[in-house]
Amino acid sequence: MATDRYPSRHHAEASITERKDPVAYRNPDFSDGPLTKADEDFYDENGYLLFENLFEPDEIKTMIKELKHTMERNQESDSVEVIKEPESNDIRTVFEIHKDSGFFESLAQNDRIVSAAQQLLGSEVYITQSRINFKPGFKGKEFYWHSDFETWHVEDGMPDMRAVSCSIVLTDNYEFNGPLMLVPGSQKWYISCPGETPKDNYKSSLQKQESGVPDNDSMSWLVDKAGGRIDRATGPAGSVLFFDCNTMHGSSGNISPYARSNVFFVFNSIENKLTHPFSGQPPRPEFLANRENIKPITPQPVKLTDIPSTTTSKTKS
């Protein structure tokens, strides 16, 4: 097993250590991407970047249409890749959408997002996880504070903090419909969480995460370090959020009438491929942590309205 530079879930108490990896990698070989130096500096300091209206209005309509088709196809699915709300049959998440052989597979290769990910990570990238998150109006559940890297490191074997999540806003994200919340600057610190990882933890954690979440004192410390700031990723459909794999984030429940939907692509550096999970347990399923047929993405400058529809692709079952 590789050396564990970020141990977690080994002790009864939490601990806080400084990050050992860069945030923005600033590799000259990937400096010709779409991000300015100011963008990279902001990402380095805050752990995220938000771009409003990265996609055009007609592209947004196409994305919303494809979202509707995907939700309808999977509504009655009992696949492990389709996660339902804990107290209803409403869809919470559909995983591995970048393998749909249609719209979302092409979207995952769009140069507007891939080139930015390459620039932030300073290397070629591949997708280690993809999903659509759907938070229905009135009853969409919260998702507690967490660092994605802590889970990906412990349960999937991601060695280093060299991954970035790209969240494309498919429906308007308001202050009041459960938007993603982020603690700026939290990416600079690693919270080692107490406890152990239960066997097959993903089967319950995808509905309600209980292992790998920060304790209250660590969470308060992070927010204090941020000067009391908790930022919210709000914006119109077509906006795009990039956030570092170790940025502490979560979302509250949605009791508004307005549903919230986002598509996530997690770009990992090709130099940061998954090893054996640092928990010592077997790897999680492929739909959560891609290990097979990994190859770098070639950015495609394609307009979304020119991408074939997924209306004819098969429902997960």
C-alpha atoms as a PDB file:
ATOM      1  CA  MET A   1       0.000   0.000   0.000  1.00  0.00           C
ATOM      2  CA  ALA A   2       1.201   3.526  -0.762  1.00  0.00           C
ATOM      3  CA  THR A   3       2.305   5.754   2.107  1.00  0.00           C
ATOM      4  CA  ASP A   4      -0.726   7.304   3.797  1.00  0.00           C
ATOM      5  CA  ARG A   5      -0.005  11.031   4.000  1.00  0.00           C
ATOM      6  CA  TYR A   6      -3.593  11.795   5.030  1.00  0.00           C
ATOM      7  CA  PRO A   7      -4.684   9.219   7.641  1.00  0.00           C
ATOM      8  CA  SER A   8      -8.276   9.337   8.834  1.00  0.00           C
ATOM      9  CA  ARG A   9     -10.781   7.168  10.720  1.00  0.00           C
ATOM     10  CA  HIS A  10      -8.019   5.546  12.774  1.00  0.00           C
ATOM     11  CA  HIS A  11      -8.581   7.215  16.144  1.00  0.00           C
ATOM     12  CA  ALA A  12     -11.349   8.205  18.526  1.00  0.00           C
ATOM     13  CA  GLU A  13     -10.616  11.910  18.130  1.00  0.00           C
ATOM     14  CA  ALA A  14     -10.303  14.236  15.144  1.00  0.00           C
ATOM     15  CA  SER A  15      -7.145  16.099  14.206  1.00  0.00           C
ATOM     16  CA  ILE A  16      -6.281  18.973  11.860  1.00  0.00           C
ATOM     17  CA  THR A  17      -3.137  19.065   9.715  1.00  0.00           C
ATOM     18  CA  GLU A  18      -1.907  21.302   6.919  1.00  0.00           C
ATOM     19  CA  ARG A  19      -2.414  20.251   3.336  1.00  0.00           C
ATOM     20  CA  LYS A  20       0.680  18.652   1.776  1.00  0.00           C
ATOM     21  CA  ASP A  21      -0.209  19.244  -1.896  1.00  0.00           C
ATOM     22  CA  PRO A  22      -0.627  22.378  -4.024  1.00  0.00           C
ATOM     23  CA  VAL A  23      -4.136  23.712  -4.655  1.00  0.00           C
ATOM     24  CA  ALA A  24      -3.661  25.317  -8.084  1.00  0.00           C
ATOM     25  CA  TYR A  25      -0.760  23.408  -9.657  1.00  0.00           C
ATOM     26  CA  ARG A  26       0.330  26.136 -12.127  1.00  0.00           C
ATOM     27  CA  ASN A  27       2.157  23.803 -14.523  1.00  0.00           C
ATOM     28  CA  PRO A  28       3.597  25.887 -17.425  1.00  0.00           C
ATOM     29  CA  ASP A  29       2.719  23.043 -19.825  1.00  0.00           C
ATOM     30  CA  PHE A  30      -0.977  23.688 -19.108  1.00  0.00           C
ATOM     31  CA  SER A  31      -0.884  27.459 -18.694  1.00  0.00           C
ATOM     32  CA  ASP A  32      -2.768  28.212 -21.917  1.00  0.00           C
ATOM     33  CA  GLY A  33      -6.162  27.242 -20.495  1.00  0.00           C
ATOM     34  CA  PRO A  34      -9.142  29.594 -20.085  1.00  0.00           C
ATOM     35  CA  LEU A  35      -8.318  30.719 -16.534  1.00  0.00           C
ATOM     36  CA  THR A  36      -6.583  33.995 -15.778  1.00  0.00           C
ATOM     37  CA  LYS A  37      -3.933  34.415 -13.101  1.00  0.00           C
ATOM     38  CA  ALA A  38      -6.595  36.133 -10.989  1.00  0.00           C
ATOM     39  CA  ASP A  39      -8.809  33.041 -11.362  1.00  0.00           C
ATOM     40  CA  GLU A  40      -5.997  30.739 -10.266  1.00  0.00           C
ATOM     41  CA  ASP A  41      -5.144  33.011  -7.343  1.00  0.00           C
ATOM     42  CA  PHE A  42      -8.774  33.051  -6.191  1.00  0.00           C
ATOM     43  CA  TYR A  43      -8.978  29.252  -6.464  1.00  0.00           C
ATOM     44  CA  ASP A  44      -5.707  28.882  -4.560  1.00  0.00           C
ATOM     45  CA  GLU A  45      -6.982  31.079  -1.733  1.00  0.00           C
ATOM     46  CA  ASN A  46     -10.656  30.037  -1.554  1.00  0.00           C
ATOM     47  CA  GLY A  47     -10.779  26.502  -2.955  1.00  0.00           C
ATOM     48  CA  TYR A  48     -13.396  27.199  -5.604  1.00  0.00           C
ATOM     49  CA  LEU A  49     -14.297  29.206  -8.713  1.00  0.00           C
ATOM     50  CA  LEU A  50     -17.800  30.092  -9.910  1.00  0.00           C
ATOM     51  CA  PHE A  51     -18.509  31.204 -13.473  1.00  0.00           C
ATOM     52  CA  GLU A  52     -21.996  32.448 -14.288  1.00  0.00           C
ATOM     53  CA  ASN A  53     -23.502  31.776 -17.723  1.00  0.00           C
ATOM     54  CA  LEU A  54     -20.617  29.660 -19.019  1.00  0.00           C
ATOM     55  CA  PHE A  55     -23.126  28.029 -21.364  1.00  0.00           C
ATOM     56  CA  GLU A  56     -25.471  29.835 -23.755  1.00  0.00           C
ATOM     57  CA  PRO A  57     -29.287  29.983 -23.358  1.00  0.00           C
ATOM     58  CA  ASP A  58     -29.993  27.462 -26.131  1.00  0.00           C
ATOM     59  CA  GLU A  59     -27.415  25.094 -24.616  1.00  0.00           C
ATOM     60  CA  ILE A  60     -29.101  25.452 -21.235  1.00  0.00           C
ATOM     61  CA  LYS A  61     -32.430  24.420 -22.770  1.00  0.00           C
ATOM     62  CA  THR A  62     -30.727  21.335 -24.195  1.00  0.00           C
ATOM     63  CA  MET A  63     -29.229  20.451 -20.808  1.00  0.00           C
ATOM     64  CA  ILE A  64     -32.593  20.826 -19.074  1.00  0.00           C
ATOM     65  CA  LYS A  65     -34.256  18.612 -21.698  1.00  0.00           C
ATOM     66  CA  GLU A  66     -31.588  15.940 -21.224  1.00  0.00           C
ATOM     67  CA  LEU A  67     -31.936  16.178 -17.448  1.00  0.00           C
ATOM     68  CA  LYS A  68     -35.676  15.552 -17.756  1.00  0.00           C
ATOM     69  CA  HIS A  69     -35.131  12.547 -20.012  1.00  0.00           C
ATOM     70  CA  THR A  70     -32.565  11.101 -17.598  1.00  0.00           C
ATOM     71  CA  MET A  71     -34.827  11.510 -14.576  1.00  0.00           C
ATOM     72  CA  GLU A  72     -37.815   9.976 -16.380  1.00  0.00           C
ATOM     73  CA  ARG A  73     -35.804   6.977 -17.579  1.00  0.00           C
ATOM     74  CA  ASN A  74     -34.477   6.233 -14.128  1.00  0.00           C
ATOM     75  CA  GLN A  75     -37.484   7.009 -11.950  1.00  0.00           C
ATOM     76  CA  GLU A  76     -38.440   3.359 -11.425  1.00  0.00           C
ATOM     77  CA  SER A  77     -34.922   1.967 -11.614  1.00  0.00           C
ATOM     78  CA  ASP A  78     -33.556  -0.145  -8.764  1.00  0.00           C
ATOM     79  CA  SER A  79     -29.967   0.056 -10.006  1.00  0.00           C
ATOM     80  CA  VAL A  80     -27.252   0.692  -7.408  1.00  0.00           C
ATOM     81  CA  GLU A  81     -26.245   3.654  -9.569  1.00  0.00           C
ATOM     82  CA  VAL A  82     -29.571   5.388  -8.901  1.00  0.00           C
ATOM     83  CA  ILE A  83     -29.854   6.696  -5.337  1.00  0.00           C
ATOM     84  CA  LYS A  84     -33.281   7.531  -3.939  1.00  0.00           C
ATOM     85  CA  GLU A  85     -34.195   9.856  -1.080  1.00  0.00           C
ATOM     86  CA  PRO A  86     -34.167   7.943   2.244  1.00  0.00           C
ATOM     87  CA  GLU A  87     -37.882   8.483   2.896  1.00  0.00           C
ATOM     88  CA  SER A  88     -39.334   8.390  -0.623  1.00  0.00           C
ATOM     89  CA  ASN A  89     -38.895   7.059  -4.140  1.00  0.00           C
ATOM     90  CA  ASP A  90     -37.648  10.412  -5.415  1.00  0.00           C
ATOM     91  CA  ILE A  91     -34.291  10.336  -7.169  1.00  0.00           C
ATOM     92  CA  ARG A  92     -31.423  11.923  -5.259  1.00  0.00           C
ATOM     93  CA  THR A  93     -28.497  10.981  -7.526  1.00  0.00           C
ATOM     94  CA  VAL A  94     -27.802   9.182 -10.805  1.00  0.00           C
ATOM     95  CA  PHE A  95     -24.172   8.073 -11.067  1.00  0.00           C
ATOM     96  CA  GLU A  96     -21.826   7.318 -13.967  1.00  0.00           C
ATOM     97  CA  ILE A  97     -23.601   9.562 -16.438  1.00  0.00           C
ATOM     98  CA  HIS A  98     -20.408  10.154 -18.425  1.00  0.00           C
ATOM     99  CA  LYS A  99     -20.808   6.611 -19.783  1.00  0.00           C
ATOM    100  CA  ASP A 100     -24.276   7.148 -21.270  1.00  0.00           C
ATOM    101  CA  SER A 101     -22.973   7.030 -24.866  1.00  0.00           C
ATOM    102  CA  GLY A 102     -24.827  10.244 -25.569  1.00  0.00           C
ATOM    103  CA  PHE A 103     -25.291  13.768 -24.324  1.00  0.00           C
ATOM    104  CA  PHE A 104     -23.618  13.629 -20.917  1.00  0.00           C
ATOM    105  CA  GLU A 105     -20.657  11.640 -22.201  1.00  0.00           C
ATOM    106  CA  SER A 106     -20.041  14.395 -24.730  1.00  0.00           C
ATOM    107  CA  LEU A 107     -20.663  17.111 -22.145  1.00  0.00           C
ATOM    108  CA  ALA A 108     -17.935  15.556 -19.982  1.00  0.00           C
ATOM    109  CA  GLN A 109     -15.455  16.231 -22.797  1.00  0.00           C
ATOM    110  CA  ASN A 110     -16.477  19.841 -23.411  1.00  0.00           C
ATOM    111  CA  ASP A 111     -13.406  22.033 -23.719  1.00  0.00           C
ATOM    112  CA  ARG A 112     -14.905  24.793 -21.558  1.00  0.00           C
ATOM    113  CA  ILE A 113     -14.717  22.577 -18.475  1.00  0.00           C
ATOM    114  CA  VAL A 114     -11.946  20.090 -19.331  1.00  0.00           C
ATOM    115  CA  SER A 115      -9.397  22.778 -20.209  1.00  0.00           C
ATOM    116  CA  ALA A 116     -10.076  24.556 -16.921  1.00  0.00           C
ATOM    117  CA  ALA A 117      -9.645  21.294 -14.988  1.00  0.00           C
ATOM    118  CA  GLN A 118      -6.364  20.606 -16.770  1.00  0.00           C
ATOM    119  CA  GLN A 119      -5.113  24.069 -15.913  1.00  0.00           C
ATOM    120  CA  LEU A 120      -6.050  23.773 -12.236  1.00  0.00           C
ATOM    121  CA  LEU A 121      -4.503  20.308 -11.870  1.00  0.00           C
ATOM    122  CA  GLY A 122      -1.512  20.966 -14.098  1.00  0.00           C
ATOM    123  CA  SER A 123      -1.871  17.738 -16.063  1.00  0.00           C
ATOM    124  CA  GLU A 124      -4.078  15.698 -18.326  1.00  0.00           C
ATOM    125  CA  VAL A 125      -7.227  14.533 -16.563  1.00  0.00           C
ATOM    126  CA  TYR A 126      -9.735  11.706 -16.526  1.00  0.00           C
ATOM    127  CA  ILE A 127     -13.137  11.329 -14.875  1.00  0.00           C
ATOM    128  CA  THR A 128     -13.074   9.373 -11.654  1.00  0.00           C
ATOM    129  CA  GLN A 129     -16.763   9.946 -10.847  1.00  0.00           C
ATOM    130  CA  SER A 130     -19.806  11.571 -12.457  1.00  0.00           C
ATOM    131  CA  ARG A 131     -23.359  12.091 -11.303  1.00  0.00           C
ATOM    132  CA  ILE A 132     -26.518  14.147 -11.482  1.00  0.00           C
ATOM    133  CA  ASN A 133     -27.723  15.480  -8.138  1.00  0.00           C
ATOM    134  CA  PHE A 134     -31.402  16.298  -7.858  1.00  0.00           C
ATOM    135  CA  LYS A 135     -32.954  18.040  -4.861  1.00  0.00           C
ATOM    136  CA  PRO A 136     -36.752  18.223  -5.284  1.00  0.00           C
ATOM    137  CA  GLY A 137     -38.788  21.109  -3.990  1.00  0.00           C
ATOM    138  CA  PHE A 138     -40.319  20.898  -0.482  1.00  0.00           C
ATOM    139  CA  LYS A 139     -38.586  17.607   0.466  1.00  0.00           C
ATOM    140  CA  GLY A 140     -35.013  17.558  -0.835  1.00  0.00           C
ATOM    141  CA  LYS A 141     -32.787  16.383   2.013  1.00  0.00           C
ATOM    142  CA  GLU A 142     -29.645  18.041   3.318  1.00  0.00           C
ATOM    143  CA  PHE A 143     -26.126  16.672   2.856  1.00  0.00           C
ATOM    144  CA  TYR A 144     -23.835  17.232   5.816  1.00  0.00           C
ATOM    145  CA  TRP A 145     -20.433  18.948   5.775  1.00  0.00           C
ATOM    146  CA  HIS A 146     -17.624  16.855   4.298  1.00  0.00           C
ATOM    147  CA  SER A 147     -14.428  16.896   2.295  1.00  0.00           C
ATOM    148  CA  ASP A 148     -14.756  14.691  -0.783  1.00  0.00           C
ATOM    149  CA  PHE A 149     -11.054  13.892  -0.632  1.00  0.00           C
ATOM    150  CA  GLU A 150     -11.354  12.358   2.830  1.00  0.00           C
ATOM    151  CA  THR A 151     -13.793   9.779   1.463  1.00  0.00           C
ATOM    152  CA  TRP A 152     -12.008   9.311  -1.856  1.00  0.00           C
ATOM    153  CA  HIS A 153      -8.711   8.813  -0.028  1.00  0.00           C
ATOM    154  CA  VAL A 154      -9.959   6.447   2.691  1.00  0.00           C
ATOM    155  CA  GLU A 155     -12.547   4.462   0.689  1.00  0.00           C
ATOM    156  CA  ASP A 156     -11.214   4.716  -2.889  1.00  0.00           C
ATOM    157  CA  GLY A 157      -7.444   5.064  -2.516  1.00  0.00           C
ATOM    158  CA  MET A 158      -6.949   8.512  -4.076  1.00  0.00           C
ATOM    159  CA  PRO A 159      -3.330   9.247  -3.072  1.00  0.00           C
ATOM    160  CA  ASP A 160      -3.060  13.023  -3.301  1.00  0.00           C
ATOM    161  CA  MET A 161      -5.215  16.149  -3.365  1.00  0.00           C
ATOM    162  CA  ARG A 162      -5.085  16.565  -7.116  1.00  0.00           C
ATOM    163  CA  ALA A 163      -8.712  16.371  -8.196  1.00  0.00           C
ATOM    164  CA  VAL A 164     -11.379  18.978  -8.897  1.00  0.00           C
ATOM    165  CA  SER A 165     -15.162  18.734  -8.997  1.00  0.00           C
ATOM    166  CA  CYS A 166     -17.011  20.535 -11.762  1.00  0.00           C
ATOM    167  CA  SER A 167     -20.663  21.256 -10.974  1.00  0.00           C
ATOM    168  CA  ILE A 168     -22.809  22.487 -13.858  1.00  0.00           C
ATOM    169  CA  VAL A 169     -25.980  24.227 -12.714  1.00  0.00           C
ATOM    170  CA  LEU A 170     -28.969  22.760 -14.572  1.00  0.00           C
ATOM    171  CA  THR A 171     -31.695  24.650 -12.715  1.00  0.00           C
ATOM    172  CA  ASP A 172     -31.394  28.066 -11.100  1.00  0.00           C
ATOM    173  CA  ASN A 173     -29.646  27.780  -7.718  1.00  0.00           C
ATOM    174  CA  TYR A 174     -31.078  30.244  -5.221  1.00  0.00           C
ATOM    175  CA  GLU A 175     -30.132  31.077  -1.645  1.00  0.00           C
ATOM    176  CA  PHE A 176     -33.272  29.265  -0.506  1.00  0.00           C
ATOM    177  CA  ASN A 177     -33.400  25.955  -2.447  1.00  0.00           C
ATOM    178  CA  GLY A 178     -30.531  24.127  -0.800  1.00  0.00           C
ATOM    179  CA  PRO A 179     -27.507  25.382  -2.778  1.00  0.00           C
ATOM    180  CA  LEU A 180     -24.014  24.053  -2.211  1.00  0.00           C
ATOM    181  CA  MET A 181     -22.263  25.825   0.675  1.00  0.00           C
ATOM    182  CA  LEU A 182     -18.474  26.046   0.871  1.00  0.00           C
ATOM    183  CA  VAL A 183     -16.022  27.149   3.549  1.00  0.00           C
ATOM    184  CA  PRO A 184     -13.443  29.329   1.762  1.00  0.00           C
ATOM    185  CA  GLY A 185      -9.857  28.439   2.603  1.00  0.00           C
ATOM    186  CA  SER A 186     -10.816  25.063   4.094  1.00  0.00           C
ATOM    187  CA  GLN A 187      -8.943  23.272   1.301  1.00  0.00           C
ATOM    188  CA  LYS A 188      -5.685  24.247   3.033  1.00  0.00           C
ATOM    189  CA  TRP A 189      -6.416  21.968   6.000  1.00  0.00           C
ATOM    190  CA  TYR A 190      -7.104  18.260   6.323  1.00  0.00           C
ATOM    191  CA  ILE A 191      -9.599  17.085   8.917  1.00  0.00           C
ATOM    192  CA  SER A 192      -8.819  13.570  10.095  1.00  0.00           C
ATOM    193  CA  CYS A 193     -12.199  12.194  11.143  1.00  0.00           C
ATOM    194  CA  PRO A 194     -12.783   9.932  14.157  1.00  0.00           C
ATOM    195  CA  GLY A 195     -14.168   6.405  14.081  1.00  0.00           C
ATOM    196  CA  GLU A 196     -13.877   3.591  11.571  1.00  0.00           C
ATOM    197  CA  THR A 197     -15.310   2.879   8.128  1.00  0.00           C
ATOM    198  CA  PRO A 198     -18.239   0.425   8.268  1.00  0.00           C
ATOM    199  CA  LYS A 199     -18.251  -2.418   5.746  1.00  0.00           C
ATOM    200  CA  ASP A 200     -19.970  -1.406   2.473  1.00  0.00           C
ATOM    201  CA  ASN A 201     -20.334   2.083   3.898  1.00  0.00           C
ATOM    202  CA  TYR A 202     -21.380   3.532   0.522  1.00  0.00           C
ATOM    203  CA  LYS A 203     -24.724   1.710   0.669  1.00  0.00           C
ATOM    204  CA  SER A 204     -25.903   4.049   3.413  1.00  0.00           C
ATOM    205  CA  SER A 205     -23.560   7.043   3.050  1.00  0.00           C
ATOM    206  CA  LEU A 206     -24.945   7.979  -0.379  1.00  0.00           C
ATOM    207  CA  GLN A 207     -28.256   8.747   1.329  1.00  0.00           C
ATOM    208  CA  LYS A 208     -26.888  10.036   4.625  1.00  0.00           C
ATOM    209  CA  GLN A 209     -23.174  10.314   5.297  1.00  0.00           C
ATOM    210  CA  GLU A 210     -22.161   9.561   8.879  1.00  0.00           C
ATOM    211  CA  SER A 211     -18.572   8.279   8.574  1.00  0.00           C
ATOM    212  CA  GLY A 212     -15.949  10.717   7.348  1.00  0.00           C
ATOM    213  CA  VAL A 213     -17.720  13.870   8.499  1.00  0.00           C
ATOM    214  CA  PRO A 214     -15.961  16.554  10.572  1.00  0.00           C
ATOM    215  CA  ASP A 215     -16.650  16.936  14.270  1.00  0.00           C
ATOM    216  CA  ASN A 216     -18.256  20.153  15.468  1.00  0.00           C
ATOM    217  CA  ASP A 217     -15.063  21.611  16.946  1.00  0.00           C
ATOM    218  CA  SER A 218     -13.086  21.086  13.712  1.00  0.00           C
ATOM    219  CA  MET A 219     -15.914  22.525  11.652  1.00  0.00           C
ATOM    220  CA  SER A 220     -16.125  25.588  13.897  1.00  0.00           C
ATOM    221  CA  TRP A 221     -12.351  26.032  13.665  1.00  0.00           C
ATOM    222  CA  LEU A 222     -12.480  25.987   9.842  1.00  0.00           C
ATOM    223  CA  VAL A 223     -15.247  28.588   9.713  1.00  0.00           C
ATOM    224  CA  ASP A 224     -13.390  30.779  12.226  1.00  0.00           C
ATOM    225  CA  LYS A 225     -10.264  30.528  10.023  1.00  0.00           C
ATOM    226  CA  ALA A 226     -12.438  31.739   7.145  1.00  0.00           C
ATOM    227  CA  GLY A 227     -13.416  34.824   9.131  1.00  0.00           C
ATOM    228  CA  GLY A 228     -16.891  33.461   9.715  1.00  0.00           C
ATOM    229  CA  ARG A 229     -17.581  33.122   5.978  1.00  0.00           C
ATOM    230  CA  ILE A 230     -19.686  30.362   4.470  1.00  0.00           C
ATOM    231  CA  ASP A 231     -20.093  30.990   0.744  1.00  0.00           C
ATOM    232  CA  ARG A 232     -23.051  29.742  -1.295  1.00  0.00           C
ATOM    233  CA  ALA A 233     -22.775  28.612  -4.916  1.00  0.00           C
ATOM    234  CA  THR A 234     -25.830  30.342  -6.341  1.00  0.00           C
ATOM    235  CA  GLY A 235     -26.407  31.294  -9.935  1.00  0.00           C
ATOM    236  CA  PRO A 236     -28.584  30.811 -13.006  1.00  0.00           C
ATOM    237  CA  ALA A 237     -28.763  27.586 -14.999  1.00  0.00           C
ATOM    238  CA  GLY A 238     -25.656  27.284 -17.137  1.00  0.00           C
ATOM    239  CA  SER A 239     -23.307  28.495 -14.419  1.00  0.00           C
ATOM    240  CA  VAL A 240     -20.348  26.290 -13.517  1.00  0.00           C
ATOM    241  CA  LEU A 241     -18.633  25.765 -10.173  1.00  0.00           C
ATOM    242  CA  PHE A 242     -15.162  24.252  -9.829  1.00  0.00           C
ATOM    243  CA  PHE A 243     -14.105  23.285  -6.323  1.00  0.00           C
ATOM    244  CA  ASP A 244     -11.063  21.548  -4.916  1.00  0.00           C
ATOM    245  CA  CYS A 245     -11.413  17.963  -3.714  1.00  0.00           C
ATOM    246  CA  ASN A 246     -10.590  18.984  -0.128  1.00  0.00           C
ATOM    247  CA  THR A 247     -12.853  22.043   0.134  1.00  0.00           C
ATOM    248  CA  MET A 248     -15.298  21.542   2.985  1.00  0.00           C
ATOM    249  CA  HIS A 249     -18.847  21.743   1.640  1.00  0.00           C
ATOM    250  CA  GLY A 250     -22.421  20.649   2.252  1.00  0.00           C
ATOM    251  CA  SER A 251     -25.986  21.691   1.575  1.00  0.00           C
ATOM    252  CA  SER A 252     -29.130  22.290   3.582  1.00  0.00           C
ATOM    253  CA  GLY A 253     -32.530  20.805   2.841  1.00  0.00           C
ATOM    254  CA  ASN A 254     -34.792  22.299   0.191  1.00  0.00           C
ATOM    255  CA  ILE A 255     -38.151  23.360   1.588  1.00  0.00           C
ATOM    256  CA  SER A 256     -38.766  25.854  -1.213  1.00  0.00           C
ATOM    257  CA  PRO A 257     -41.017  25.026  -4.205  1.00  0.00           C
ATOM    258  CA  TYR A 258     -38.011  25.116  -6.556  1.00  0.00           C
ATOM    259  CA  ALA A 259     -36.060  21.974  -7.380  1.00  0.00           C
ATOM    260  CA  ARG A 260     -32.266  22.141  -7.603  1.00  0.00           C
ATOM    261  CA  SER A 261     -30.318  20.042 -10.102  1.00  0.00           C
ATOM    262  CA  ASN A 262     -26.635  19.901 -10.920  1.00  0.00           C
ATOM    263  CA  VAL A 263     -24.434  17.620 -12.988  1.00  0.00           C
ATOM    264  CA  PHE A 264     -21.059  16.737 -11.463  1.00  0.00           C
ATOM    265  CA  PHE A 265     -17.896  15.614 -13.191  1.00  0.00           C
ATOM    266  CA  VAL A 266     -14.946  14.843 -10.939  1.00  0.00           C
ATOM    267  CA  PHE A 267     -11.712  15.348 -12.855  1.00  0.00           C
ATOM    268  CA  ASN A 268      -8.655  13.605 -11.422  1.00  0.00           C
ATOM    269  CA  SER A 269      -5.086  14.101 -12.557  1.00  0.00           C
ATOM    270  CA  ILE A 270      -3.837  11.249 -14.718  1.00  0.00           C
ATOM    271  CA  GLU A 271      -0.840  11.319 -12.354  1.00  0.00           C
ATOM    272  CA  ASN A 272      -3.085  10.661  -9.335  1.00  0.00           C
ATOM    273  CA  LYS A 273      -4.712   7.336 -10.228  1.00  0.00           C
ATOM    274  CA  LEU A 274      -6.461   5.417  -7.472  1.00  0.00           C
ATOM    275  CA  THR A 275      -4.536   2.842  -5.450  1.00  0.00           C
ATOM    276  CA  HIS A 276      -5.869   0.438  -2.828  1.00  0.00           C
ATOM    277  CA  PRO A 277      -8.227   2.159  -0.352  1.00  0.00           C
ATOM    278  CA  PHE A 278      -6.369   3.464   2.692  1.00  0.00           C
ATOM    279  CA  SER A 279      -9.072   1.960   4.915  1.00  0.00           C
ATOM    280  CA  GLY A 280      -7.707  -1.475   4.011  1.00  0.00           C
ATOM    281  CA  GLN A 281     -11.159  -2.486   2.776  1.00  0.00           C
ATOM    282  CA  PRO A 282     -12.006  -3.566  -0.795  1.00  0.00           C
ATOM    283  CA  PRO A 283     -12.488  -0.738  -3.334  1.00  0.00           C
ATOM    284  CA  ARG A 284     -15.929   0.765  -3.756  1.00  0.00           C
ATOM    285  CA  PRO A 285     -17.819  -0.104  -6.964  1.00  0.00           C
ATOM    286  CA  GLU A 286     -16.676   1.246 -10.316  1.00  0.00           C
ATOM    287  CA  PHE A 287     -19.612   3.663 -10.598  1.00  0.00           C
ATOM    288  CA  LEU A 288     -18.259   5.539  -7.570  1.00  0.00           C
ATOM    289  CA  ALA A 289     -14.557   5.397  -8.382  1.00  0.00           C
ATOM    290  CA  ASN A 290     -13.485   4.631 -11.936  1.00  0.00           C
ATOM    291  CA  ARG A 291     -10.467   2.356 -12.228  1.00  0.00           C
ATOM    292  CA  GLU A 292     -11.078   0.638 -15.565  1.00  0.00           C
ATOM    293  CA  ASN A 293     -10.104   1.859 -19.037  1.00  0.00           C
ATOM    294  CA  ILE A 294      -8.655   5.110 -17.711  1.00  0.00           C
ATOM    295  CA  LYS A 295      -7.414   7.421 -20.420  1.00  0.00           C
ATOM    296  CA  PRO A 296      -6.903  11.178 -20.618  1.00  0.00           C
ATOM    297  CA  ILE A 297      -9.780  13.273 -21.939  1.00  0.00           C
ATOM    298  CA  THR A 298      -9.244  15.209 -25.143  1.00  0.00           C
ATOM    299  CA  PRO A 299     -11.192  18.490 -24.843  1.00  0.00           C
ATOM    300  CA  GLN A 300     -13.861  18.819 -27.535  1.00  0.00           C
ATOM    301  CA  PRO A 301     -14.979  22.333 -28.645  1.00  0.00           C
ATOM    302  CA  VAL A 302     -18.540  21.263 -29.352  1.00  0.00           C
ATOM    303  CA  LYS A 303     -21.681  23.296 -28.820  1.00  0.00           C
ATOM    304  CA  LEU A 304     -24.163  21.395 -26.637  1.00  0.00           C
ATOM    305  CA  THR A 305     -26.976  21.763 -29.146  1.00  0.00           C
ATOM    306  CA  ASP A 306     -24.889  19.701 -31.587  1.00  0.00           C
ATOM    307  CA  ILE A 307     -24.581  16.719 -29.207  1.00  0.00           C
ATOM    308  CA  PRO A 308     -26.783  13.658 -29.878  1.00  0.00           C
ATOM    309  CA  SER A 309     -29.650  13.228 -27.420  1.00  0.00           C
ATOM    310  CA  THR A 310     -29.727  10.412 -24.849  1.00  0.00           C
ATOM    311  CA  THR A 311     -33.443   9.877 -25.363  1.00  0.00           C
ATOM    312  CA  THR A 312     -32.809   6.508 -26.999  1.00  0.00           C
ATOM    313  CA  SER A 313     -30.236   5.238 -24.474  1.00  0.00           C
ATOM    314  CA  LYS A 314     -31.243   2.524 -22.050  1.00  0.00           C
ATOM    315  CA  THR A 315     -32.500   2.910 -18.523  1.00  0.00           C
ATOM    316  CA  LYS A 316     -30.218   1.629 -15.775  1.00  0.00           C
ATOM    317  CA  SER A 317     -31.703  -1.503 -14.293  1.00  0.00           C
END
